Amino acid sequence: MISLTVLLTLLAGMGIIGIGVGYYLRLIISLGKKGSMELQIKQMMLDAEVKAKKIIEESEEKAEAKAKEVSTELKEKEREFKQTEERLIRKEEMLDTRQVNIDADQESLARKLSDLESQKQQVDSLIKAQQDKLENIAGISVEEARADLLKAIESRYNTDTEGRMRKLELVGNEKLEQKANDILVTAIHRLGNSVVSDVLATTVQLPNDEIKGKIIGKEGRNIRTFERATGVDVIVDDTPGTITLSSYDPIRRQIARIALENLILDGRIQPAKIEESVVKAEAEINNIIKKKGAEAAYAARVPDLDPKLVMILGRLYFRTSYGQNVLDHSVEVAHLAGMLAEELGANVAVARAGALFHDIGKAVDHEVPGTHVEIGRRILQKFGISEEVVKAMQAHHEEYPYETPESMIVQVADAVSGARPGARRDSVENYIKRLEDLEGLANRVPGVEKSYAIAAGREVRVIVKPEAVTDLEARNIARTIADSIQSEMQYPGEIKVSVIRETRVIEYAK
């Protein structure tokens, strides 16, 4: 037991000693680590100082290099400025020298001019003295002598001068007429459009005569309803297989024709069906008008038109003038005007638009008072068409003056389209009467011996009495006849008046 206690005591003492030794060793190790950290910090501070010195040295070297570079550039610029200054100094010296020379030349010229003036005065005085001496000898002044000389020369060469003037006038007119003919022929050939006369149908073909009774209806009920709904007169006569529709309005006639044809196809002809058919026919006609107006504007190359204006334009499809469809005529005039404008260097767009709208007043001239030109002007102004186009269209019948080249082009194109062979038709009676009126109108002018209407009434040749009419009076007669034709006659296109004054002298050699 005693030995176990001793043993435990020894073990406890040894444990305490071990703990003390361990703490001491730990203390020694900690002191060693602290010393090494201080050494590392000092080493890092030394390294930082070295790097800082190195950076400062490099910066100083770069600054010195930059300073040298800037100094070199400054010296180069200074040298260039010095050279420029020297050149400017030399130029200034040269300019001073030139100015001195110019001043000397001006002084020399002034002296010479003064000498010339004095010499001119001397010459003028000598000439004046000689003229005075000649006037005293001749007994007339210089002005009187000049007037006598000019009068003698004018009297001697008056006939030759008049002949030359007439020759120049004829040659000039021939050249201008040939140029105009070439331009017109070129435009017409480029168009190359066949013209077919179009007369609106006023008769409706019936499958049999029995249908006439259905159209008339009981006690005329159907025909009265039809006339009231369409606004046309229905003429039922003894002509087999046809019924005639009569109205001053071509659109109404077309509505009535379509409605009647649809009723005939349907077979059920009664008041209610008639009114329904007329409403459908009106819608169909409106679609045709809109379509034809748009097609005409597209064909004439006149874009961006108001839809209402297109509708008014399309109404011309149902209007004819001397058998010529007015809408087709307007498109043709637009093509001709465009080509003429290209040839003459005018505004092609304005010429085309003015030509397309030149007869637009005819679409409503039976509804609105006034000439179709005046109605057309109001229509175009209402829809905001440019003033250039209005001026181009309003002069095609010379109701307004030609204010622009395009207005003349539209008038010429209209005349060409209307005067082309086959473009328009007229009855034989009207044709003969027009020729007789032309000749009678020309024959009633004093001094006219006889006249002939030729070229289908497009020209009237007037032969005057040479002993009673001078050349100037012949011109006045031509103008008088042309004015009378314009004011007293109605005709398509243009009529040319040719006045002929011919003097014949006959002698016999025996």
Protein backbone atom coordinates (compact mmCIF):
# COMPACT_ATOMS: atom_id res chain seq x y z
CA MET A 1 0.00 0.00 0.00
CA ILE A 2 2.75 2.38 0.93
CA SER A 3 4.52 1.75 -2.33
CA LEU A 4 1.31 2.45 -4.36
CA THR A 5 0.84 5.78 -2.64
CA VAL A 6 4.41 6.73 -3.28
CA LEU A 7 4.03 5.65 -6.86
CA LEU A 8 0.92 7.82 -7.36
CA THR A 9 2.66 10.75 -5.73
CA LEU A 10 5.62 10.39 -8.02
CA LEU A 11 3.36 10.17 -11.03
CA ALA A 12 1.55 13.34 -9.98
CA GLY A 13 4.81 15.20 -9.45
CA MET A 14 6.11 14.08 -12.81
CA GLY A 15 2.84 15.27 -14.49
CA ILE A 16 3.22 18.70 -12.91
CA ILE A 17 6.82 18.90 -14.01
CA GLY A 18 5.78 17.87 -17.56
CA ILE A 19 3.17 20.60 -17.69
CA GLY A 20 5.68 23.22 -16.61
CA VAL A 21 8.23 22.04 -19.14
CA GLY A 22 5.56 22.13 -21.94
CA TYR A 23 4.52 25.68 -21.08
CA TYR A 24 8.12 26.82 -21.11
CA LEU A 25 8.75 25.25 -24.48
CA ARG A 26 5.62 26.88 -25.91
CA LEU A 27 6.76 30.24 -24.61
CA ILE A 28 10.15 29.85 -26.28
CA ILE A 29 8.53 28.84 -29.61
CA SER A 30 6.17 31.86 -29.52
CA LEU A 31 9.06 34.24 -28.92
CA GLY A 32 10.89 32.73 -31.90
CA LYS A 33 7.91 33.19 -34.25
CA LYS A 34 7.47 36.84 -33.21
CA GLY A 35 11.08 37.55 -34.02
CA SER A 36 10.76 36.04 -37.56
CA MET A 37 7.62 38.16 -38.33
CA GLU A 38 9.41 41.38 -37.44
CA LEU A 39 12.21 40.35 -39.74
CA GLN A 40 9.75 39.74 -42.58
CA ILE A 41 8.12 43.15 -42.08
CA LYS A 42 11.48 44.89 -42.15
CA GLN A 43 12.41 42.96 -45.30
CA MET A 44 9.15 44.03 -47.01
CA MET A 45 9.78 47.67 -46.08
CA LEU A 46 13.25 47.48 -47.58
CA ASP A 47 11.85 45.95 -50.78
CA ALA A 48 9.21 48.68 -51.05
CA GLU A 49 11.83 51.41 -50.68
CA VAL A 50 13.89 49.82 -53.45
CA LYS A 51 10.92 49.63 -55.78
CA ALA A 52 9.95 53.22 -55.03
CA LYS A 53 13.43 54.44 -55.89
CA LYS A 54 13.35 52.44 -59.10
CA ILE A 55 9.98 53.91 -60.13
CA ILE A 56 11.18 57.45 -59.35
CA GLU A 57 14.31 56.93 -61.42
CA GLU A 58 12.29 55.58 -64.39
CA SER A 59 9.86 58.52 -64.16
CA GLU A 60 12.71 60.99 -64.11
CA GLU A 61 14.25 59.34 -67.18
CA LYS A 62 10.91 59.49 -69.10
CA ALA A 63 10.39 63.11 -68.10
CA GLU A 64 13.85 64.02 -69.36
CA ALA A 65 13.18 62.19 -72.68
CA LYS A 66 9.82 63.95 -73.12
CA ALA A 67 11.35 67.31 -72.33
CA LYS A 68 14.05 66.72 -74.96
CA GLU A 69 11.37 65.69 -77.52
CA VAL A 70 9.25 68.77 -76.82
CA SER A 71 12.30 70.98 -77.02
CA THR A 72 13.19 69.48 -80.41
CA GLU A 73 9.66 70.05 -81.74
CA LEU A 74 9.66 73.62 -80.50
CA LYS A 75 12.93 74.27 -82.26
CA GLU A 76 11.53 72.74 -85.50
CA LYS A 77 8.39 74.86 -85.29
CA GLU A 78 10.45 77.93 -84.61
CA ARG A 79 12.56 77.18 -87.66
CA GLU A 80 9.45 76.73 -89.86
CA PHE A 81 7.92 79.97 -88.55
CA LYS A 82 11.11 81.76 -89.33
CA GLN A 83 11.16 80.41 -92.90
CA THR A 84 7.50 81.42 -93.39
CA GLU A 85 8.23 84.89 -92.09
CA GLU A 86 11.14 85.22 -94.51
CA ARG A 87 8.94 84.13 -97.46
CA LEU A 88 6.25 86.64 -96.48
CA ILE A 89 8.85 89.38 -96.25
CA ARG A 90 10.12 88.51 -99.76
CA LYS A 91 6.58 88.47 -101.17
CA GLU A 92 5.83 91.82 -99.57
CA GLU A 93 8.95 93.25 -101.14
CA MET A 94 7.91 91.84 -104.55
CA LEU A 95 4.42 93.35 -104.15
CA ASP A 96 5.91 96.70 -103.28
CA THR A 97 8.04 96.53 -106.41
CA ARG A 98 5.04 95.61 -108.57
CA GLN A 99 2.97 98.41 -107.09
CA VAL A 100 5.72 100.86 -107.96
CA ASN A 101 5.74 99.55 -111.56
CA ILE A 102 1.93 99.74 -111.77
CA ASP A 103 1.94 103.31 -110.51
CA ALA A 104 4.53 104.19 -113.11
CA ASP A 105 2.46 102.53 -115.87
CA GLN A 106 -0.67 104.38 -114.75
CA GLU A 107 1.15 107.68 -114.87
CA SER A 108 2.42 106.84 -118.35
CA LEU A 109 -1.07 105.84 -119.53
CA ALA A 110 -2.56 109.00 -118.07
CA ARG A 111 -0.03 111.08 -119.99
CA LYS A 112 -0.75 109.21 -123.21
CA LEU A 113 -4.51 109.57 -122.69
CA SER A 114 -4.11 113.25 -122.16
CA ASP A 115 -2.09 113.50 -125.37
CA LEU A 116 -4.77 111.54 -127.25
CA GLU A 117 -7.51 113.79 -125.93
CA SER A 118 -5.68 116.85 -127.07
CA GLN A 119 -5.05 115.27 -130.49
CA LYS A 120 -8.71 114.25 -130.76
CA GLN A 121 -9.80 117.77 -129.99
CA GLN A 122 -7.50 119.04 -132.69
CA VAL A 123 -8.87 116.50 -135.19
CA ASP A 124 -12.46 117.34 -134.25
CA SER A 125 -11.82 121.01 -134.72
CA LEU A 126 -10.24 120.31 -138.13
CA ILE A 127 -13.19 118.11 -139.16
CA LYS A 128 -15.66 120.77 -137.96
CA ALA A 129 -13.83 123.40 -139.95
CA GLN A 130 -13.88 121.18 -143.06
CA GLN A 131 -17.62 120.45 -142.58
CA ASP A 132 -18.37 124.15 -142.21
CA LYS A 133 -16.42 124.87 -145.37
CA LEU A 134 -18.26 122.09 -147.27
CA GLU A 135 -21.64 123.29 -146.00
CA ASN A 136 -20.85 126.81 -147.17
CA ILE A 137 -19.80 125.51 -150.57
CA ALA A 138 -22.79 123.09 -150.98
CA GLY A 139 -25.36 125.33 -149.39
CA ILE A 140 -26.93 122.51 -147.22
CA SER A 141 -26.22 121.12 -143.76
CA VAL A 142 -24.90 117.65 -142.91
CA GLU A 143 -28.27 116.55 -141.53
CA GLU A 144 -30.07 117.65 -144.69
CA ALA A 145 -27.52 115.85 -146.87
CA ARG A 146 -27.85 112.66 -144.79
CA ALA A 147 -31.66 112.80 -144.99
CA ASP A 148 -31.56 113.31 -148.78
CA LEU A 149 -29.12 110.41 -149.18
CA LEU A 150 -31.19 108.05 -147.04
CA LYS A 151 -34.35 109.06 -148.90
CA ALA A 152 -32.72 108.39 -152.25
CA ILE A 153 -31.38 105.00 -151.12
CA GLU A 154 -34.74 104.04 -149.59
CA SER A 155 -36.57 105.03 -152.77
CA ARG A 156 -34.12 103.13 -154.94
CA TYR A 157 -34.06 99.90 -152.93
CA ASN A 158 -37.60 99.94 -151.49
CA THR A 159 -38.83 97.24 -153.85
CA ASP A 160 -35.84 95.00 -153.15
CA THR A 161 -36.25 95.46 -149.41
CA GLU A 162 -39.95 94.61 -149.52
CA GLY A 163 -39.20 91.51 -151.60
CA ARG A 164 -36.53 90.37 -149.19
CA MET A 165 -38.84 90.90 -146.21
CA ARG A 166 -41.59 88.88 -147.87
CA LYS A 167 -39.12 86.14 -148.75
CA LEU A 168 -37.84 86.02 -145.18
CA GLU A 169 -41.40 85.93 -143.86
CA LEU A 170 -42.37 83.09 -146.20
CA VAL A 171 -39.22 81.10 -145.48
CA GLY A 172 -39.65 81.60 -141.73
CA ASN A 173 -43.29 80.58 -141.82
CA GLU A 174 -42.49 77.53 -143.94
CA LYS A 175 -39.78 76.40 -141.52
CA LEU A 176 -42.00 76.93 -138.48
CA GLU A 177 -44.92 75.15 -140.15
CA GLN A 178 -42.67 72.26 -141.19
CA LYS A 179 -41.32 71.94 -137.65
CA ALA A 180 -44.83 72.01 -136.22
CA ASN A 181 -45.99 69.41 -138.73
CA ASP A 182 -43.05 67.16 -137.87
CA ILE A 183 -43.86 67.35 -134.15
CA LEU A 184 -47.57 66.64 -134.71
CA VAL A 185 -46.89 63.76 -137.10
CA THR A 186 -44.41 62.25 -134.66
CA ALA A 187 -46.93 62.46 -131.80
CA ILE A 188 -49.74 60.95 -133.90
CA HIS A 189 -47.53 58.13 -135.17
CA ARG A 190 -46.41 57.33 -131.63
CA LEU A 191 -50.03 57.14 -130.51
CA GLY A 192 -51.18 54.97 -133.44
CA ASN A 193 -54.62 54.56 -131.91
CA SER A 194 -57.56 53.36 -133.98
CA VAL A 195 -60.70 55.36 -133.33
CA VAL A 196 -64.10 53.69 -133.37
CA SER A 197 -67.17 55.87 -133.25
CA ASP A 198 -69.36 54.96 -130.29
CA VAL A 199 -73.06 55.87 -130.27
CA LEU A 200 -75.03 55.02 -127.13
CA ALA A 201 -77.71 52.39 -127.71
CA THR A 202 -81.25 53.72 -127.42
CA THR A 203 -83.03 50.56 -128.57
CA VAL A 204 -83.52 47.26 -126.78
CA GLN A 205 -83.85 44.02 -128.73
CA LEU A 206 -86.77 41.81 -127.72
CA PRO A 207 -86.81 38.01 -128.03
CA ASN A 208 -90.37 38.23 -129.40
CA ASP A 209 -93.19 40.73 -129.76
CA GLU A 210 -95.26 39.07 -127.03
CA ILE A 211 -92.92 40.59 -124.42
CA LYS A 212 -94.16 44.06 -125.39
CA GLY A 213 -97.48 43.34 -123.70
CA LYS A 214 -95.72 42.39 -120.46
CA ILE A 215 -93.63 45.54 -120.58
CA ILE A 216 -96.74 47.69 -121.04
CA GLY A 217 -98.66 45.80 -118.38
CA LYS A 218 -102.30 45.96 -117.50
CA GLU A 219 -103.64 49.39 -118.45
CA GLY A 220 -100.03 50.57 -118.90
CA ARG A 221 -99.14 50.02 -115.23
CA ASN A 222 -95.69 48.49 -115.87
CA ILE A 223 -94.53 51.01 -118.44
CA ARG A 224 -95.60 53.95 -116.23
CA THR A 225 -93.71 52.48 -113.29
CA PHE A 226 -90.66 51.93 -115.46
CA GLU A 227 -90.70 55.49 -116.83
CA ARG A 228 -91.20 56.96 -113.36
CA ALA A 229 -88.31 54.90 -111.87
CA THR A 230 -85.83 55.54 -114.68
CA GLY A 231 -86.81 59.01 -115.90
CA VAL A 232 -86.83 57.96 -119.56
CA ASP A 233 -89.57 57.73 -122.17
CA VAL A 234 -90.35 54.21 -123.41
CA ILE A 235 -91.55 54.21 -127.02
CA VAL A 236 -93.36 51.06 -128.09
CA ASP A 237 -94.24 51.18 -131.78
CA ASP A 238 -94.94 48.74 -134.58
CA THR A 239 -91.25 48.07 -135.20
CA PRO A 240 -90.83 44.33 -134.66
CA GLY A 241 -88.48 43.10 -131.97
CA THR A 242 -87.39 46.50 -130.59
CA ILE A 243 -88.34 49.09 -127.98
CA THR A 244 -86.89 52.62 -128.04
CA LEU A 245 -85.69 54.46 -124.92
CA SER A 246 -85.61 58.27 -125.15
CA SER A 247 -83.92 60.65 -122.68
CA TYR A 248 -81.57 63.64 -122.79
CA ASP A 249 -79.42 62.03 -120.08
CA PRO A 250 -77.19 59.24 -121.47
CA ILE A 251 -76.67 57.71 -118.03
CA ARG A 252 -80.40 57.43 -117.48
CA ARG A 253 -80.71 55.74 -120.85
CA GLN A 254 -78.06 53.23 -119.88
CA ILE A 255 -79.72 52.50 -116.53
CA ALA A 256 -83.04 51.99 -118.30
CA ARG A 257 -81.48 49.74 -120.93
CA ILE A 258 -79.75 47.50 -118.37
CA ALA A 259 -82.85 47.35 -116.17
CA LEU A 260 -85.10 46.47 -119.10
CA GLU A 261 -82.73 43.79 -120.40
CA ASN A 262 -82.57 42.22 -116.93
CA LEU A 263 -86.37 42.26 -116.65
CA ILE A 264 -86.68 40.58 -120.04
CA LEU A 265 -84.23 37.87 -119.00
CA ASP A 266 -86.05 37.34 -115.70
CA GLY A 267 -89.49 37.26 -117.35
CA ARG A 268 -91.27 38.56 -114.24
CA ILE A 269 -92.28 42.13 -115.14
CA GLN A 270 -94.27 43.86 -112.42
CA PRO A 271 -93.96 47.21 -110.54
CA ALA A 272 -92.05 45.82 -107.54
CA LYS A 273 -89.68 43.86 -109.76
CA ILE A 274 -89.19 46.91 -111.99
CA GLU A 275 -88.11 49.10 -109.07
CA GLU A 276 -85.74 46.42 -107.81
CA SER A 277 -84.22 45.99 -111.25
CA VAL A 278 -83.72 49.76 -111.63
CA VAL A 279 -81.90 49.95 -108.26
CA LYS A 280 -79.58 47.12 -109.31
CA ALA A 281 -78.98 48.78 -112.68
CA GLU A 282 -78.05 52.07 -110.95
CA ALA A 283 -75.53 50.23 -108.76
CA GLU A 284 -74.11 48.50 -111.84
CA ILE A 285 -73.82 51.81 -113.73
CA ASN A 286 -72.08 53.44 -110.74
CA ASN A 287 -69.54 50.60 -110.67
CA ILE A 288 -68.99 51.00 -114.41
CA ILE A 289 -68.54 54.77 -114.01
CA LYS A 290 -66.02 54.31 -111.19
CA LYS A 291 -64.15 51.63 -113.11
CA LYS A 292 -64.04 53.60 -116.36
CA GLY A 293 -62.90 56.77 -114.57
CA ALA A 294 -60.08 54.93 -112.78
CA GLU A 295 -59.03 53.21 -116.01
CA ALA A 296 -58.98 56.54 -117.86
CA ALA A 297 -56.89 58.24 -115.15
CA TYR A 298 -54.45 55.31 -115.14
CA ALA A 299 -54.22 55.23 -118.94
CA ALA A 300 -53.63 59.00 -119.09
CA ARG A 301 -50.99 58.76 -116.28
CA VAL A 302 -52.77 61.26 -114.02
CA PRO A 303 -52.51 59.72 -110.50
CA ASP A 304 -53.76 60.63 -107.01
CA LEU A 305 -57.22 61.93 -107.95
CA ASP A 306 -60.12 62.40 -105.58
CA PRO A 307 -62.58 59.45 -105.86
CA LYS A 308 -65.46 61.86 -106.49
CA LEU A 309 -63.52 63.49 -109.32
CA VAL A 310 -62.85 60.03 -110.76
CA MET A 311 -66.61 59.36 -110.68
CA ILE A 312 -67.33 62.57 -112.59
CA LEU A 313 -64.64 61.66 -115.11
CA GLY A 314 -66.13 58.20 -115.55
CA ARG A 315 -69.51 59.72 -116.51
CA LEU A 316 -67.92 60.81 -119.79
CA TYR A 317 -67.91 57.16 -120.83
CA PHE A 318 -71.64 57.54 -121.53
CA ARG A 319 -71.25 60.83 -123.39
CA THR A 320 -70.54 61.21 -127.12
CA SER A 321 -69.65 64.17 -129.30
CA TYR A 322 -70.28 63.79 -133.03
CA GLY A 323 -70.28 60.04 -132.49
CA GLN A 324 -66.91 60.11 -130.65
CA ASN A 325 -66.82 58.75 -127.10
CA VAL A 326 -65.82 61.72 -124.92
CA LEU A 327 -63.88 59.66 -122.35
CA ASP A 328 -61.86 57.86 -125.03
CA HIS A 329 -61.34 61.22 -126.72
CA SER A 330 -60.06 62.74 -123.43
CA VAL A 331 -57.57 59.90 -122.90
CA GLU A 332 -56.38 60.21 -126.49
CA VAL A 333 -55.93 63.98 -126.08
CA ALA A 334 -53.95 63.32 -122.87
CA HIS A 335 -51.58 60.98 -124.73
CA LEU A 336 -51.14 63.47 -127.58
CA ALA A 337 -50.59 66.37 -125.17
CA GLY A 338 -48.01 64.38 -123.20
CA MET A 339 -46.02 63.55 -126.33
CA LEU A 340 -46.21 67.12 -127.63
CA ALA A 341 -45.06 68.43 -124.23
CA GLU A 342 -42.08 66.06 -124.32
CA GLU A 343 -41.15 67.28 -127.80
CA LEU A 344 -41.49 70.96 -126.84
CA GLY A 345 -39.93 70.76 -123.36
CA ALA A 346 -43.13 71.72 -121.50
CA ASN A 347 -44.52 70.28 -118.26
CA VAL A 348 -45.71 66.79 -119.27
CA ALA A 349 -47.75 66.15 -116.09
CA VAL A 350 -49.65 69.44 -116.38
CA ALA A 351 -50.30 68.89 -120.10
CA ARG A 352 -51.63 65.37 -119.50
CA ALA A 353 -53.90 66.44 -116.63
CA GLY A 354 -55.22 69.48 -118.50
CA ALA A 355 -55.96 67.34 -121.56
CA LEU A 356 -57.68 64.61 -119.55
CA PHE A 357 -59.96 67.15 -117.82
CA HIS A 358 -60.54 69.47 -120.81
CA ASP A 359 -64.07 68.10 -121.44
CA ILE A 360 -64.98 67.09 -117.87
CA GLY A 361 -67.68 69.76 -117.81
CA LYS A 362 -69.61 67.76 -120.40
CA ALA A 363 -70.30 65.12 -117.75
CA VAL A 364 -72.79 67.44 -116.04
CA ASP A 365 -73.41 70.22 -118.58
CA HIS A 366 -77.03 69.07 -118.98
CA GLU A 367 -77.52 69.44 -115.22
CA VAL A 368 -75.51 72.62 -114.48
CA PRO A 369 -75.88 75.91 -116.40
CA GLY A 370 -72.91 77.32 -118.29
CA THR A 371 -70.47 76.18 -120.95
CA HIS A 372 -68.62 72.92 -120.38
CA VAL A 373 -65.35 74.88 -120.06
CA GLU A 374 -66.70 77.06 -117.26
CA ILE A 375 -68.30 74.04 -115.55
CA GLY A 376 -65.01 72.14 -115.84
CA ARG A 377 -63.09 75.04 -114.24
CA ARG A 378 -65.46 75.06 -111.26
CA ILE A 379 -65.19 71.28 -110.86
CA LEU A 380 -61.37 71.31 -110.88
CA GLN A 381 -61.17 74.24 -108.48
CA LYS A 382 -63.61 72.51 -106.12
CA PHE A 383 -61.38 69.42 -105.90
CA GLY A 384 -58.18 71.44 -105.40
CA ILE A 385 -56.57 70.78 -108.78
CA SER A 386 -53.55 73.04 -109.33
CA GLU A 387 -53.99 76.36 -111.12
CA GLU A 388 -51.53 75.28 -113.85
CA VAL A 389 -53.83 72.40 -114.82
CA VAL A 390 -56.88 74.69 -114.80
CA LYS A 391 -55.10 77.16 -117.09
CA ALA A 392 -54.09 74.30 -119.40
CA MET A 393 -57.68 73.04 -119.81
CA GLN A 394 -59.65 76.28 -119.92
CA ALA A 395 -58.24 77.64 -123.22
CA HIS A 396 -58.95 74.69 -125.52
CA HIS A 397 -61.93 76.53 -127.08
CA GLU A 398 -60.26 79.96 -126.76
CA GLU A 399 -62.80 81.10 -124.18
CA TYR A 400 -59.77 82.06 -122.06
CA PRO A 401 -56.37 83.32 -123.26
CA TYR A 402 -53.38 81.03 -123.66
CA GLU A 403 -51.51 81.77 -120.44
CA THR A 404 -49.08 78.82 -120.50
CA PRO A 405 -47.43 76.63 -123.16
CA GLU A 406 -49.44 73.68 -121.82
CA SER A 407 -52.72 75.47 -122.65
CA MET A 408 -51.67 75.72 -126.32
CA ILE A 409 -50.58 72.07 -126.32
CA VAL A 410 -53.98 70.93 -124.97
CA GLN A 411 -55.79 72.97 -127.65
CA VAL A 412 -53.67 71.48 -130.42
CA ALA A 413 -54.05 67.93 -129.09
CA ASP A 414 -57.83 68.39 -128.85
CA ALA A 415 -57.99 69.64 -132.43
CA VAL A 416 -55.84 66.74 -133.68
CA SER A 417 -57.96 64.14 -131.90
CA GLY A 418 -61.23 65.62 -133.18
CA ALA A 419 -60.03 66.17 -136.73
CA ARG A 420 -58.53 62.73 -137.37
CA PRO A 421 -60.28 60.81 -140.17
CA GLY A 422 -62.98 58.56 -138.78
CA ALA A 423 -62.81 60.07 -135.31
CA ARG A 424 -66.15 61.81 -135.57
CA ARG A 425 -69.30 61.35 -137.62
CA ASP A 426 -71.87 63.76 -138.91
CA SER A 427 -74.93 63.44 -141.05
CA VAL A 428 -74.79 64.22 -144.77
CA GLU A 429 -77.27 67.06 -144.34
CA ASN A 430 -75.22 68.71 -141.60
CA TYR A 431 -72.05 68.17 -143.61
CA ILE A 432 -73.45 69.87 -146.74
CA LYS A 433 -75.01 72.67 -144.71
CA ARG A 434 -71.73 73.36 -142.96
CA LEU A 435 -69.90 73.65 -146.27
CA GLU A 436 -72.56 75.97 -147.67
CA ASP A 437 -72.46 78.11 -144.54
CA LEU A 438 -68.68 78.36 -144.77
CA GLU A 439 -68.74 79.54 -148.37
CA GLY A 440 -71.66 81.92 -147.78
CA LEU A 441 -69.95 83.43 -144.74
CA ALA A 442 -66.79 84.07 -146.77
CA ASN A 443 -68.62 85.40 -149.86
CA ARG A 444 -70.44 88.11 -147.92
CA VAL A 445 -67.16 89.89 -147.01
CA PRO A 446 -66.50 92.90 -149.33
CA GLY A 447 -63.71 92.30 -151.84
CA VAL A 448 -64.18 88.52 -152.02
CA GLU A 449 -64.58 87.18 -155.56
CA LYS A 450 -65.30 83.52 -154.73
CA SER A 451 -64.59 80.89 -152.09
CA TYR A 452 -64.29 77.12 -151.81
CA ALA A 453 -64.79 74.91 -148.77
CA ILE A 454 -62.38 71.97 -149.03
CA ALA A 455 -60.86 69.18 -146.93
CA ALA A 456 -64.25 68.14 -145.51
CA GLY A 457 -64.88 71.63 -144.23
CA ARG A 458 -61.53 71.89 -142.43
CA GLU A 459 -60.31 74.64 -144.77
CA VAL A 460 -61.93 77.46 -146.75
CA ARG A 461 -59.97 79.08 -149.58
CA VAL A 462 -61.00 82.65 -150.38
CA ILE A 463 -60.01 84.40 -153.63
CA VAL A 464 -60.18 88.20 -153.44
CA LYS A 465 -60.23 90.85 -156.16
CA PRO A 466 -56.64 92.11 -156.51
CA GLU A 467 -57.66 95.53 -157.80
CA ALA A 468 -59.96 96.13 -154.83
CA VAL A 469 -57.95 94.55 -152.00
CA THR A 470 -54.35 95.24 -150.92
CA ASP A 471 -52.04 92.75 -149.20
CA LEU A 472 -52.71 94.28 -145.79
CA GLU A 473 -56.46 94.21 -146.39
CA ALA A 474 -56.18 90.54 -147.41
CA ARG A 475 -54.74 89.77 -143.98
CA ASN A 476 -57.63 91.65 -142.35
CA ILE A 477 -60.14 89.70 -144.46
CA ALA A 478 -58.64 86.39 -143.28
CA ARG A 479 -58.93 87.49 -139.66
CA THR A 480 -62.50 88.77 -140.20
CA ILE A 481 -63.63 85.48 -141.75
CA ALA A 482 -61.97 83.43 -139.00
CA ASP A 483 -63.65 85.54 -136.29
CA SER A 484 -67.02 85.19 -138.04
CA ILE A 485 -66.65 81.40 -138.23
CA GLN A 486 -65.81 81.21 -134.51
CA SER A 487 -68.77 83.36 -133.48
CA GLU A 488 -71.44 82.08 -135.90
CA MET A 489 -70.70 78.40 -136.51
CA GLN A 490 -70.34 75.23 -134.45
CA TYR A 491 -67.75 72.76 -135.70
CA PRO A 492 -65.34 70.13 -134.35
CA GLY A 493 -61.61 70.72 -134.51
CA GLU A 494 -60.18 73.66 -136.45
CA ILE A 495 -60.97 75.46 -139.74
CA LYS A 496 -58.14 77.00 -141.74
CA VAL A 497 -58.84 80.22 -143.67
CA SER A 498 -56.60 80.81 -146.71
CA VAL A 499 -56.98 84.17 -148.52
CA ILE A 500 -55.43 84.31 -151.99
CA ARG A 501 -54.65 87.63 -153.73
CA GLU A 502 -53.22 87.05 -157.17
CA THR A 503 -52.31 89.70 -159.77
CA ARG A 504 -51.87 88.62 -163.38
CA VAL A 505 -50.48 90.87 -166.11
CA ILE A 506 -50.92 89.65 -169.69
CA GLU A 507 -49.21 91.11 -172.78
CA TYR A 508 -49.09 89.83 -176.36
CA ALA A 509 -46.05 89.85 -178.61
CA LYS A 510 -47.07 90.37 -182.24
